[in-house]
Amino acid sequence: MTRATVRGVELNYEIVGDEGPWAALMPGGRRSMEIVRSLAGRMAAAGYRVVIHDRRNCGASSVAIGGEASEYEHWADDLHALLSRLGALPAIVGGSSSGCRTALTFCLRHPGAARALLLWRVTGGEFAAAHLAYSYYTQFIEAAEAGGMEAVAETEHFSELIAANPGNRDRLLSMAVDDFTAAMARWRTYFLDGAELPVIGAGEADLARIAVPAIVVPGCDRIHGIETGRRAQRLLPDAELFELFHVQQDVDMYPLEHWDAREGELAAAFLAFLERRL
């Protein structure tokens, strides 16, 4: 386990692969980097060096809640700082779901820092905005208001962060409830304001500014709709479309094991795209 203090936050990270072009991969949700380790290994076997990391408030990295920027802007800026420290810029940047949103934000906030984008399970629409706003923020606001920061520490997500990094308990309990709920409410606005955008966190004009080559792999559920991914590919100036799943599923989130079962196809599509375009 390697740690680096980046922008005042301790991040857990790993480099998979010993040589070759630099890439960074991020999972969906607030999941740990272990979710993308296998995919990173496939890319490393093909000659890439892949940075995987636990974003702030994820995995074994530090809890850090606050600031005026959205959580995704913090994640994008943290990644830029980490890659800069590693001498890995410009890099291929990719992600699933929240990792996809972070990759797009990274490209928008740091022009020239991305060589290409690997985007899968693209998120958009009113249902996704409402569902994720509750999942990421509202449930923790409710916990804090009902039982203080001790109650937040006992939620499934934050208890996992504490188990992975025991110092996170003191970081959480040192926060005033009002400061915590205010920060969570600001971050929640990111989703609620993004309900009408083609992709949560990026409007049409934003996507039109992203000129780097991209490959888009749509999801197939209510949060990651097929048409959301197709629309993102059409709006990005230089993007290819690759569909693993062609039927929209009537579920909030298609189980990740179905994606895991087809990881070889996903990796092959990414590697073929990079071989063509870089």
C-alpha atoms as a PDB file:
ATOM      1  CA  MET A   1       0.000   0.000   0.000  1.00  0.00           C
ATOM      2  CA  THR A   2       1.433   3.371  -1.069  1.00  0.00           C
ATOM      3  CA  ARG A   3       0.192   6.660   0.342  1.00  0.00           C
ATOM      4  CA  ALA A   4       0.728  10.228  -0.728  1.00  0.00           C
ATOM      5  CA  THR A   5      -0.511  13.447   0.830  1.00  0.00           C
ATOM      6  CA  VAL A   6      -2.087  15.363  -2.029  1.00  0.00           C
ATOM      7  CA  ARG A   7      -3.769  18.750  -1.580  1.00  0.00           C
ATOM      8  CA  GLY A   8      -3.832  18.132   2.158  1.00  0.00           C
ATOM      9  CA  VAL A   9      -5.482  14.699   1.880  1.00  0.00           C
ATOM     10  CA  GLU A  10      -3.821  11.309   2.293  1.00  0.00           C
ATOM     11  CA  LEU A  11      -4.540   9.136  -0.754  1.00  0.00           C
ATOM     12  CA  ASN A  12      -3.994   5.413  -1.078  1.00  0.00           C
ATOM     13  CA  TYR A  13      -2.699   4.495  -4.547  1.00  0.00           C
ATOM     14  CA  GLU A  14      -0.839   1.904  -6.578  1.00  0.00           C
ATOM     15  CA  ILE A  15       0.910   1.765  -9.951  1.00  0.00           C
ATOM     16  CA  VAL A  16       0.083  -1.379 -11.917  1.00  0.00           C
ATOM     17  CA  GLY A  17       2.724  -2.049 -14.569  1.00  0.00           C
ATOM     18  CA  ASP A  18       6.383  -1.123 -14.800  1.00  0.00           C
ATOM     19  CA  GLU A  19       6.672   0.786 -18.074  1.00  0.00           C
ATOM     20  CA  GLY A  20       4.801   2.256 -20.975  1.00  0.00           C
ATOM     21  CA  PRO A  21       2.288   5.094 -21.414  1.00  0.00           C
ATOM     22  CA  TRP A  22       0.614   6.318 -18.229  1.00  0.00           C
ATOM     23  CA  ALA A  23      -3.057   5.745 -17.568  1.00  0.00           C
ATOM     24  CA  ALA A  24      -5.412   6.185 -14.602  1.00  0.00           C
ATOM     25  CA  LEU A  25      -8.594   4.201 -13.961  1.00  0.00           C
ATOM     26  CA  MET A  26     -11.351   4.943 -11.448  1.00  0.00           C
ATOM     27  CA  PRO A  27     -14.298   2.809 -10.274  1.00  0.00           C
ATOM     28  CA  GLY A  28     -17.903   3.835  -9.860  1.00  0.00           C
ATOM     29  CA  GLY A  29     -19.676   4.951  -6.718  1.00  0.00           C
ATOM     30  CA  ARG A  30     -17.358   5.563  -3.800  1.00  0.00           C
ATOM     31  CA  ARG A  31     -15.865   2.120  -4.279  1.00  0.00           C
ATOM     32  CA  SER A  32     -12.224   1.305  -3.635  1.00  0.00           C
ATOM     33  CA  MET A  33      -9.553   0.989  -6.283  1.00  0.00           C
ATOM     34  CA  GLU A  34      -9.784  -2.812  -5.987  1.00  0.00           C
ATOM     35  CA  ILE A  35     -12.764  -2.687  -8.360  1.00  0.00           C
ATOM     36  CA  VAL A  36     -10.523  -1.626 -11.274  1.00  0.00           C
ATOM     37  CA  ARG A  37      -7.410  -3.585 -10.312  1.00  0.00           C
ATOM     38  CA  SER A  38      -8.142  -6.463 -12.697  1.00  0.00           C
ATOM     39  CA  LEU A  39      -8.803  -4.119 -15.630  1.00  0.00           C
ATOM     40  CA  ALA A  40      -5.625  -2.219 -14.779  1.00  0.00           C
ATOM     41  CA  GLY A  41      -3.766  -5.527 -14.837  1.00  0.00           C
ATOM     42  CA  ARG A  42      -5.034  -6.270 -18.332  1.00  0.00           C
ATOM     43  CA  MET A  43      -3.829  -2.868 -19.519  1.00  0.00           C
ATOM     44  CA  ALA A  44      -0.477  -3.322 -17.778  1.00  0.00           C
ATOM     45  CA  ALA A  45      -0.025  -6.673 -19.542  1.00  0.00           C
ATOM     46  CA  ALA A  46      -0.469  -4.795 -22.822  1.00  0.00           C
ATOM     47  CA  GLY A  47       2.294  -2.319 -21.962  1.00  0.00           C
ATOM     48  CA  TYR A  48       0.699   0.473 -19.936  1.00  0.00           C
ATOM     49  CA  ARG A  49       1.455   1.861 -16.472  1.00  0.00           C
ATOM     50  CA  VAL A  50      -1.858   2.299 -14.711  1.00  0.00           C
ATOM     51  CA  VAL A  51      -2.429   4.416 -11.615  1.00  0.00           C
ATOM     52  CA  ILE A  52      -5.315   3.237  -9.451  1.00  0.00           C
ATOM     53  CA  HIS A  53      -6.213   5.074  -6.262  1.00  0.00           C
ATOM     54  CA  ASP A  54      -8.805   5.491  -3.567  1.00  0.00           C
ATOM     55  CA  ARG A  55     -10.326   8.928  -3.997  1.00  0.00           C
ATOM     56  CA  ARG A  56     -10.917  11.048  -0.899  1.00  0.00           C
ATOM     57  CA  ASN A  57     -13.852   9.586   1.031  1.00  0.00           C
ATOM     58  CA  CYS A  58     -13.262   6.225  -0.642  1.00  0.00           C
ATOM     59  CA  GLY A  59     -11.451   3.011   0.290  1.00  0.00           C
ATOM     60  CA  ALA A  60      -8.408   3.477   2.509  1.00  0.00           C
ATOM     61  CA  SER A  61      -7.871   7.159   1.729  1.00  0.00           C
ATOM     62  CA  SER A  62      -8.725   9.952   4.136  1.00  0.00           C
ATOM     63  CA  VAL A  63     -12.138  11.361   4.830  1.00  0.00           C
ATOM     64  CA  ALA A  64     -12.139  15.002   3.715  1.00  0.00           C
ATOM     65  CA  ILE A  65     -15.509  16.743   3.589  1.00  0.00           C
ATOM     66  CA  GLY A  66     -15.780  20.431   2.851  1.00  0.00           C
ATOM     67  CA  GLY A  67     -14.767  23.179   0.476  1.00  0.00           C
ATOM     68  CA  GLU A  68     -16.750  25.113  -2.069  1.00  0.00           C
ATOM     69  CA  ALA A  69     -15.975  22.810  -5.015  1.00  0.00           C
ATOM     70  CA  SER A  70     -18.099  19.754  -5.759  1.00  0.00           C
ATOM     71  CA  GLU A  71     -16.816  16.374  -4.648  1.00  0.00           C
ATOM     72  CA  TYR A  72     -16.051  15.529  -8.283  1.00  0.00           C
ATOM     73  CA  GLU A  73     -14.009  18.687  -8.727  1.00  0.00           C
ATOM     74  CA  HIS A  74     -12.032  17.705  -5.623  1.00  0.00           C
ATOM     75  CA  TRP A  75     -11.544  14.210  -7.053  1.00  0.00           C
ATOM     76  CA  ALA A  76     -10.428  15.572 -10.419  1.00  0.00           C
ATOM     77  CA  ASP A  77      -7.984  18.015  -8.844  1.00  0.00           C
ATOM     78  CA  ASP A  78      -6.611  15.337  -6.497  1.00  0.00           C
ATOM     79  CA  LEU A  79      -5.985  13.027  -9.458  1.00  0.00           C
ATOM     80  CA  HIS A  80      -4.242  15.788 -11.379  1.00  0.00           C
ATOM     81  CA  ALA A  81      -1.991  16.535  -8.419  1.00  0.00           C
ATOM     82  CA  LEU A  82      -1.202  12.850  -7.883  1.00  0.00           C
ATOM     83  CA  LEU A  83      -0.373  12.227 -11.547  1.00  0.00           C
ATOM     84  CA  SER A  84       1.718  15.379 -11.632  1.00  0.00           C
ATOM     85  CA  ARG A  85       3.713  14.172  -8.633  1.00  0.00           C
ATOM     86  CA  LEU A  86       4.301  10.838 -10.367  1.00  0.00           C
ATOM     87  CA  GLY A  87       5.448  12.500 -13.575  1.00  0.00           C
ATOM     88  CA  ALA A  88       2.536  10.809 -15.335  1.00  0.00           C
ATOM     89  CA  LEU A  89       1.005  13.726 -17.225  1.00  0.00           C
ATOM     90  CA  PRO A  90      -0.475  13.803 -19.765  1.00  0.00           C
ATOM     91  CA  ALA A  91      -2.235  10.506 -19.112  1.00  0.00           C
ATOM     92  CA  ILE A  92      -4.978   8.317 -20.463  1.00  0.00           C
ATOM     93  CA  VAL A  93      -7.839   8.781 -17.976  1.00  0.00           C
ATOM     94  CA  GLY A  94     -10.777   6.470 -17.582  1.00  0.00           C
ATOM     95  CA  GLY A  95     -13.591   5.649 -15.241  1.00  0.00           C
ATOM     96  CA  SER A  96     -16.910   3.963 -14.653  1.00  0.00           C
ATOM     97  CA  SER A  97     -19.996   5.866 -13.453  1.00  0.00           C
ATOM     98  CA  SER A  98     -18.672   8.323 -10.822  1.00  0.00           C
ATOM     99  CA  GLY A  99     -15.194   7.589 -12.198  1.00  0.00           C
ATOM    100  CA  CYS A 100     -16.493   8.534 -15.637  1.00  0.00           C
ATOM    101  CA  ARG A 101     -17.840  11.821 -14.268  1.00  0.00           C
ATOM    102  CA  THR A 102     -14.495  12.454 -12.595  1.00  0.00           C
ATOM    103  CA  ALA A 103     -12.615  11.751 -15.836  1.00  0.00           C
ATOM    104  CA  LEU A 104     -14.754  14.282 -17.715  1.00  0.00           C
ATOM    105  CA  THR A 105     -14.294  16.847 -14.932  1.00  0.00           C
ATOM    106  CA  PHE A 106     -10.534  16.195 -14.964  1.00  0.00           C
ATOM    107  CA  CYS A 107     -10.423  16.923 -18.685  1.00  0.00           C
ATOM    108  CA  LEU A 108     -12.483  20.108 -18.335  1.00  0.00           C
ATOM    109  CA  ARG A 109     -10.561  21.498 -15.355  1.00  0.00           C
ATOM    110  CA  HIS A 110      -7.094  20.547 -16.598  1.00  0.00           C
ATOM    111  CA  PRO A 111      -6.870  21.055 -20.367  1.00  0.00           C
ATOM    112  CA  GLY A 112      -3.934  19.228 -21.874  1.00  0.00           C
ATOM    113  CA  ALA A 113      -3.612  16.789 -18.965  1.00  0.00           C
ATOM    114  CA  ALA A 114      -5.505  13.953 -20.679  1.00  0.00           C
ATOM    115  CA  ARG A 115      -4.292  12.116 -23.775  1.00  0.00           C
ATOM    116  CA  ALA A 116      -7.481  10.086 -24.177  1.00  0.00           C
ATOM    117  CA  LEU A 117     -10.621   9.167 -22.241  1.00  0.00           C
ATOM    118  CA  LEU A 118     -11.991   5.695 -21.487  1.00  0.00           C
ATOM    119  CA  LEU A 119     -15.595   6.204 -20.350  1.00  0.00           C
ATOM    120  CA  TRP A 120     -18.005   3.483 -19.301  1.00  0.00           C
ATOM    121  CA  ARG A 121     -21.374   3.369 -17.532  1.00  0.00           C
ATOM    122  CA  VAL A 122     -22.125   7.053 -18.264  1.00  0.00           C
ATOM    123  CA  THR A 123     -24.585   8.655 -15.823  1.00  0.00           C
ATOM    124  CA  GLY A 124     -27.380  11.069 -16.669  1.00  0.00           C
ATOM    125  CA  GLY A 125     -31.044  11.961 -16.279  1.00  0.00           C
ATOM    126  CA  GLU A 126     -33.468  12.938 -13.545  1.00  0.00           C
ATOM    127  CA  PHE A 127     -33.755   9.450 -12.060  1.00  0.00           C
ATOM    128  CA  ALA A 128     -29.980   9.098 -11.730  1.00  0.00           C
ATOM    129  CA  ALA A 129     -29.646  12.587 -10.254  1.00  0.00           C
ATOM    130  CA  ALA A 130     -32.289  11.969  -7.584  1.00  0.00           C
ATOM    131  CA  HIS A 131     -31.119   8.446  -6.760  1.00  0.00           C
ATOM    132  CA  LEU A 132     -27.448   9.364  -6.453  1.00  0.00           C
ATOM    133  CA  ALA A 133     -28.103  12.590  -4.564  1.00  0.00           C
ATOM    134  CA  TYR A 134     -29.774  10.511  -1.866  1.00  0.00           C
ATOM    135  CA  SER A 135     -27.218   7.709  -1.945  1.00  0.00           C
ATOM    136  CA  TYR A 136     -24.153   9.977  -1.773  1.00  0.00           C
ATOM    137  CA  TYR A 137     -25.419  12.811   0.394  1.00  0.00           C
ATOM    138  CA  THR A 138     -28.981  12.930   1.720  1.00  0.00           C
ATOM    139  CA  GLN A 139     -28.750   9.691   3.697  1.00  0.00           C
ATOM    140  CA  PHE A 140     -25.707  11.019   5.550  1.00  0.00           C
ATOM    141  CA  ILE A 141     -27.334  14.395   6.194  1.00  0.00           C
ATOM    142  CA  GLU A 142     -30.273  12.518   7.730  1.00  0.00           C
ATOM    143  CA  ALA A 143     -27.954  10.362   9.839  1.00  0.00           C
ATOM    144  CA  ALA A 144     -26.087  13.405  11.166  1.00  0.00           C
ATOM    145  CA  GLU A 145     -29.274  15.295  11.969  1.00  0.00           C
ATOM    146  CA  ALA A 146     -30.747  12.276  13.766  1.00  0.00           C
ATOM    147  CA  GLY A 147     -27.721  11.028  15.694  1.00  0.00           C
ATOM    148  CA  GLY A 148     -24.756  13.336  15.212  1.00  0.00           C
ATOM    149  CA  MET A 149     -21.404  12.379  13.775  1.00  0.00           C
ATOM    150  CA  GLU A 150     -21.382   9.105  15.720  1.00  0.00           C
ATOM    151  CA  ALA A 151     -24.373   8.036  13.651  1.00  0.00           C
ATOM    152  CA  VAL A 152     -22.572   8.996  10.439  1.00  0.00           C
ATOM    153  CA  ALA A 153     -19.572   6.913  11.489  1.00  0.00           C
ATOM    154  CA  GLU A 154     -21.888   3.931  11.956  1.00  0.00           C
ATOM    155  CA  THR A 155     -23.375   4.062   8.447  1.00  0.00           C
ATOM    156  CA  GLU A 156     -22.301   1.284   6.110  1.00  0.00           C
ATOM    157  CA  HIS A 157     -20.122   3.490   3.912  1.00  0.00           C
ATOM    158  CA  PHE A 158     -18.286   5.413   6.603  1.00  0.00           C
ATOM    159  CA  SER A 159     -17.848   2.365   8.816  1.00  0.00           C
ATOM    160  CA  GLU A 160     -16.075   0.718   5.871  1.00  0.00           C
ATOM    161  CA  LEU A 161     -13.809   3.766   5.500  1.00  0.00           C
ATOM    162  CA  ILE A 162     -12.975   3.592   9.204  1.00  0.00           C
ATOM    163  CA  ALA A 163     -12.201  -0.132   8.983  1.00  0.00           C
ATOM    164  CA  ALA A 164      -9.857   0.521   6.052  1.00  0.00           C
ATOM    165  CA  ASN A 165      -8.254   3.596   7.668  1.00  0.00           C
ATOM    166  CA  PRO A 166      -8.924   3.895  11.438  1.00  0.00           C
ATOM    167  CA  GLY A 167      -7.848   7.550  11.470  1.00  0.00           C
ATOM    168  CA  ASN A 168     -11.013   8.346   9.550  1.00  0.00           C
ATOM    169  CA  ARG A 169     -13.066   7.940  12.733  1.00  0.00           C
ATOM    170  CA  ASP A 170     -11.340  10.881  14.416  1.00  0.00           C
ATOM    171  CA  ARG A 171     -11.586  12.905  11.212  1.00  0.00           C
ATOM    172  CA  LEU A 172     -15.335  12.369  11.111  1.00  0.00           C
ATOM    173  CA  LEU A 173     -15.998  12.912  14.800  1.00  0.00           C
ATOM    174  CA  SER A 174     -13.989  16.129  14.801  1.00  0.00           C
ATOM    175  CA  MET A 175     -16.482  17.711  12.400  1.00  0.00           C
ATOM    176  CA  ALA A 176     -19.373  19.793  13.663  1.00  0.00           C
ATOM    177  CA  VAL A 177     -22.721  18.444  12.501  1.00  0.00           C
ATOM    178  CA  ASP A 178     -23.663  21.772  10.921  1.00  0.00           C
ATOM    179  CA  ASP A 179     -20.415  21.922   8.933  1.00  0.00           C
ATOM    180  CA  PHE A 180     -20.849  18.331   7.764  1.00  0.00           C
ATOM    181  CA  THR A 181     -24.460  18.729   6.667  1.00  0.00           C
ATOM    182  CA  ALA A 182     -23.730  22.055   4.938  1.00  0.00           C
ATOM    183  CA  ALA A 183     -20.896  20.476   2.927  1.00  0.00           C
ATOM    184  CA  MET A 184     -23.028  17.478   2.005  1.00  0.00           C
ATOM    185  CA  ALA A 185     -25.857  19.782   0.928  1.00  0.00           C
ATOM    186  CA  ARG A 186     -23.488  21.747  -1.342  1.00  0.00           C
ATOM    187  CA  TRP A 187     -22.203  18.555  -2.924  1.00  0.00           C
ATOM    188  CA  ARG A 188     -25.753  17.265  -3.368  1.00  0.00           C
ATOM    189  CA  THR A 189     -26.549  20.333  -5.450  1.00  0.00           C
ATOM    190  CA  TYR A 190     -24.070  19.045  -8.043  1.00  0.00           C
ATOM    191  CA  PHE A 191     -26.423  16.162  -8.773  1.00  0.00           C
ATOM    192  CA  LEU A 192     -29.673  18.040  -8.497  1.00  0.00           C
ATOM    193  CA  ASP A 193     -28.443  20.783 -10.830  1.00  0.00           C
ATOM    194  CA  GLY A 194     -27.262  18.143 -13.283  1.00  0.00           C
ATOM    195  CA  ALA A 195     -30.609  16.408 -13.760  1.00  0.00           C
ATOM    196  CA  GLU A 196     -31.303  18.106 -17.096  1.00  0.00           C
ATOM    197  CA  LEU A 197     -27.759  17.846 -18.467  1.00  0.00           C
ATOM    198  CA  PRO A 198     -26.799  15.201 -21.032  1.00  0.00           C
ATOM    199  CA  VAL A 199     -24.286  13.841 -18.504  1.00  0.00           C
ATOM    200  CA  ILE A 200     -24.394  14.702 -14.809  1.00  0.00           C
ATOM    201  CA  GLY A 201     -21.709  17.339 -14.333  1.00  0.00           C
ATOM    202  CA  ALA A 202     -21.263  18.249 -18.021  1.00  0.00           C
ATOM    203  CA  GLY A 203     -23.524  20.186 -20.368  1.00  0.00           C
ATOM    204  CA  GLU A 204     -23.444  20.160 -24.146  1.00  0.00           C
ATOM    205  CA  ALA A 205     -21.002  23.079 -24.276  1.00  0.00           C
ATOM    206  CA  ASP A 206     -18.723  21.332 -21.780  1.00  0.00           C
ATOM    207  CA  LEU A 207     -18.653  18.114 -23.779  1.00  0.00           C
ATOM    208  CA  ALA A 208     -18.002  20.075 -26.969  1.00  0.00           C
ATOM    209  CA  ARG A 209     -14.796  21.449 -25.388  1.00  0.00           C
ATOM    210  CA  ILE A 210     -13.332  17.995 -24.840  1.00  0.00           C
ATOM    211  CA  ALA A 211     -11.281  17.474 -27.968  1.00  0.00           C
ATOM    212  CA  VAL A 212      -9.195  14.474 -26.884  1.00  0.00           C
ATOM    213  CA  PRO A 213      -9.997  11.045 -28.365  1.00  0.00           C
ATOM    214  CA  ALA A 214     -12.555   9.164 -26.298  1.00  0.00           C
ATOM    215  CA  ILE A 215     -14.297   5.812 -26.281  1.00  0.00           C
ATOM    216  CA  VAL A 216     -17.736   5.583 -24.674  1.00  0.00           C
ATOM    217  CA  VAL A 217     -19.239   2.325 -23.418  1.00  0.00           C
ATOM    218  CA  PRO A 218     -22.840   2.949 -22.312  1.00  0.00           C
ATOM    219  CA  GLY A 219     -24.447   1.276 -19.359  1.00  0.00           C
ATOM    220  CA  CYS A 220     -27.856  -0.382 -19.596  1.00  0.00           C
ATOM    221  CA  ASP A 221     -29.877   0.527 -16.491  1.00  0.00           C
ATOM    222  CA  ARG A 222     -31.918   3.431 -15.136  1.00  0.00           C
ATOM    223  CA  ILE A 223     -28.886   5.217 -13.695  1.00  0.00           C
ATOM    224  CA  HIS A 224     -26.557   4.478 -16.609  1.00  0.00           C
ATOM    225  CA  GLY A 225     -28.922   4.404 -19.565  1.00  0.00           C
ATOM    226  CA  ILE A 226     -27.884   3.198 -22.996  1.00  0.00           C
ATOM    227  CA  GLU A 227     -29.136   6.396 -24.608  1.00  0.00           C
ATOM    228  CA  THR A 228     -27.213   8.522 -22.069  1.00  0.00           C
ATOM    229  CA  GLY A 229     -23.982   6.922 -23.246  1.00  0.00           C
ATOM    230  CA  ARG A 230     -24.924   7.201 -26.910  1.00  0.00           C
ATOM    231  CA  ARG A 231     -25.750  10.879 -26.497  1.00  0.00           C
ATOM    232  CA  ALA A 232     -22.466  11.549 -24.720  1.00  0.00           C
ATOM    233  CA  GLN A 233     -20.599   9.906 -27.607  1.00  0.00           C
ATOM    234  CA  ARG A 234     -22.453  12.072 -30.133  1.00  0.00           C
ATOM    235  CA  LEU A 235     -21.723  15.273 -28.210  1.00  0.00           C
ATOM    236  CA  LEU A 236     -18.013  14.604 -27.681  1.00  0.00           C
ATOM    237  CA  PRO A 237     -16.104  15.920 -30.725  1.00  0.00           C
ATOM    238  CA  ASP A 238     -13.837  12.896 -31.168  1.00  0.00           C
ATOM    239  CA  ALA A 239     -15.498   9.873 -29.600  1.00  0.00           C
ATOM    240  CA  GLU A 240     -16.139   6.285 -30.596  1.00  0.00           C
ATOM    241  CA  LEU A 241     -19.013   4.144 -29.345  1.00  0.00           C
ATOM    242  CA  PHE A 242     -18.649   0.576 -28.134  1.00  0.00           C
ATOM    243  CA  GLU A 243     -21.680  -1.213 -26.697  1.00  0.00           C
ATOM    244  CA  LEU A 244     -21.276  -4.258 -24.491  1.00  0.00           C
ATOM    245  CA  PHE A 245     -24.996  -4.432 -23.683  1.00  0.00           C
ATOM    246  CA  HIS A 246     -27.671  -3.646 -26.254  1.00  0.00           C
ATOM    247  CA  VAL A 247     -30.839  -4.068 -24.167  1.00  0.00           C
ATOM    248  CA  GLN A 248     -31.943  -1.497 -21.599  1.00  0.00           C
ATOM    249  CA  GLN A 249     -32.601  -3.273 -18.286  1.00  0.00           C
ATOM    250  CA  ASP A 250     -35.569  -2.301 -16.086  1.00  0.00           C
ATOM    251  CA  VAL A 251     -33.414  -2.061 -12.953  1.00  0.00           C
ATOM    252  CA  ASP A 252     -31.856   0.826 -11.073  1.00  0.00           C
ATOM    253  CA  MET A 253     -28.361  -0.604 -11.468  1.00  0.00           C
ATOM    254  CA  TYR A 254     -27.339  -3.605 -13.557  1.00  0.00           C
ATOM    255  CA  PRO A 255     -25.294  -5.919 -11.289  1.00  0.00           C
ATOM    256  CA  LEU A 256     -21.562  -5.358 -11.599  1.00  0.00           C
ATOM    257  CA  GLU A 257     -20.924  -9.085 -11.920  1.00  0.00           C
ATOM    258  CA  HIS A 258     -22.364  -8.879 -15.440  1.00  0.00           C
ATOM    259  CA  TRP A 259     -19.721  -6.261 -16.265  1.00  0.00           C
ATOM    260  CA  ASP A 260     -17.027  -8.323 -14.554  1.00  0.00           C
ATOM    261  CA  ALA A 261     -17.953 -11.302 -16.716  1.00  0.00           C
ATOM    262  CA  ARG A 262     -17.263  -9.241 -19.841  1.00  0.00           C
ATOM    263  CA  GLU A 263     -14.178  -7.397 -18.624  1.00  0.00           C
ATOM    264  CA  GLY A 264     -12.035  -9.088 -21.262  1.00  0.00           C
ATOM    265  CA  GLU A 265     -14.187  -7.586 -24.024  1.00  0.00           C
ATOM    266  CA  LEU A 266     -14.102  -4.179 -22.359  1.00  0.00           C
ATOM    267  CA  ALA A 267     -10.322  -4.279 -22.036  1.00  0.00           C
ATOM    268  CA  ALA A 268      -9.920  -5.422 -25.652  1.00  0.00           C
ATOM    269  CA  ALA A 269     -12.082  -2.525 -26.848  1.00  0.00           C
ATOM    270  CA  PHE A 270     -10.063  -0.019 -24.831  1.00  0.00           C
ATOM    271  CA  LEU A 271      -6.720  -1.403 -25.989  1.00  0.00           C
ATOM    272  CA  ALA A 272      -7.768  -1.515 -29.652  1.00  0.00           C
ATOM    273  CA  PHE A 273      -8.996   2.076 -29.394  1.00  0.00           C
ATOM    274  CA  LEU A 274      -5.714   3.242 -27.848  1.00  0.00           C
ATOM    275  CA  GLU A 275      -3.676   1.407 -30.455  1.00  0.00           C
ATOM    276  CA  ARG A 276      -5.617   3.166 -33.215  1.00  0.00           C
ATOM    277  CA  ARG A 277      -5.632   6.626 -31.730  1.00  0.00           C
ATOM    278  CA  LEU A 278      -2.363   7.158 -29.816  1.00  0.00           C
END
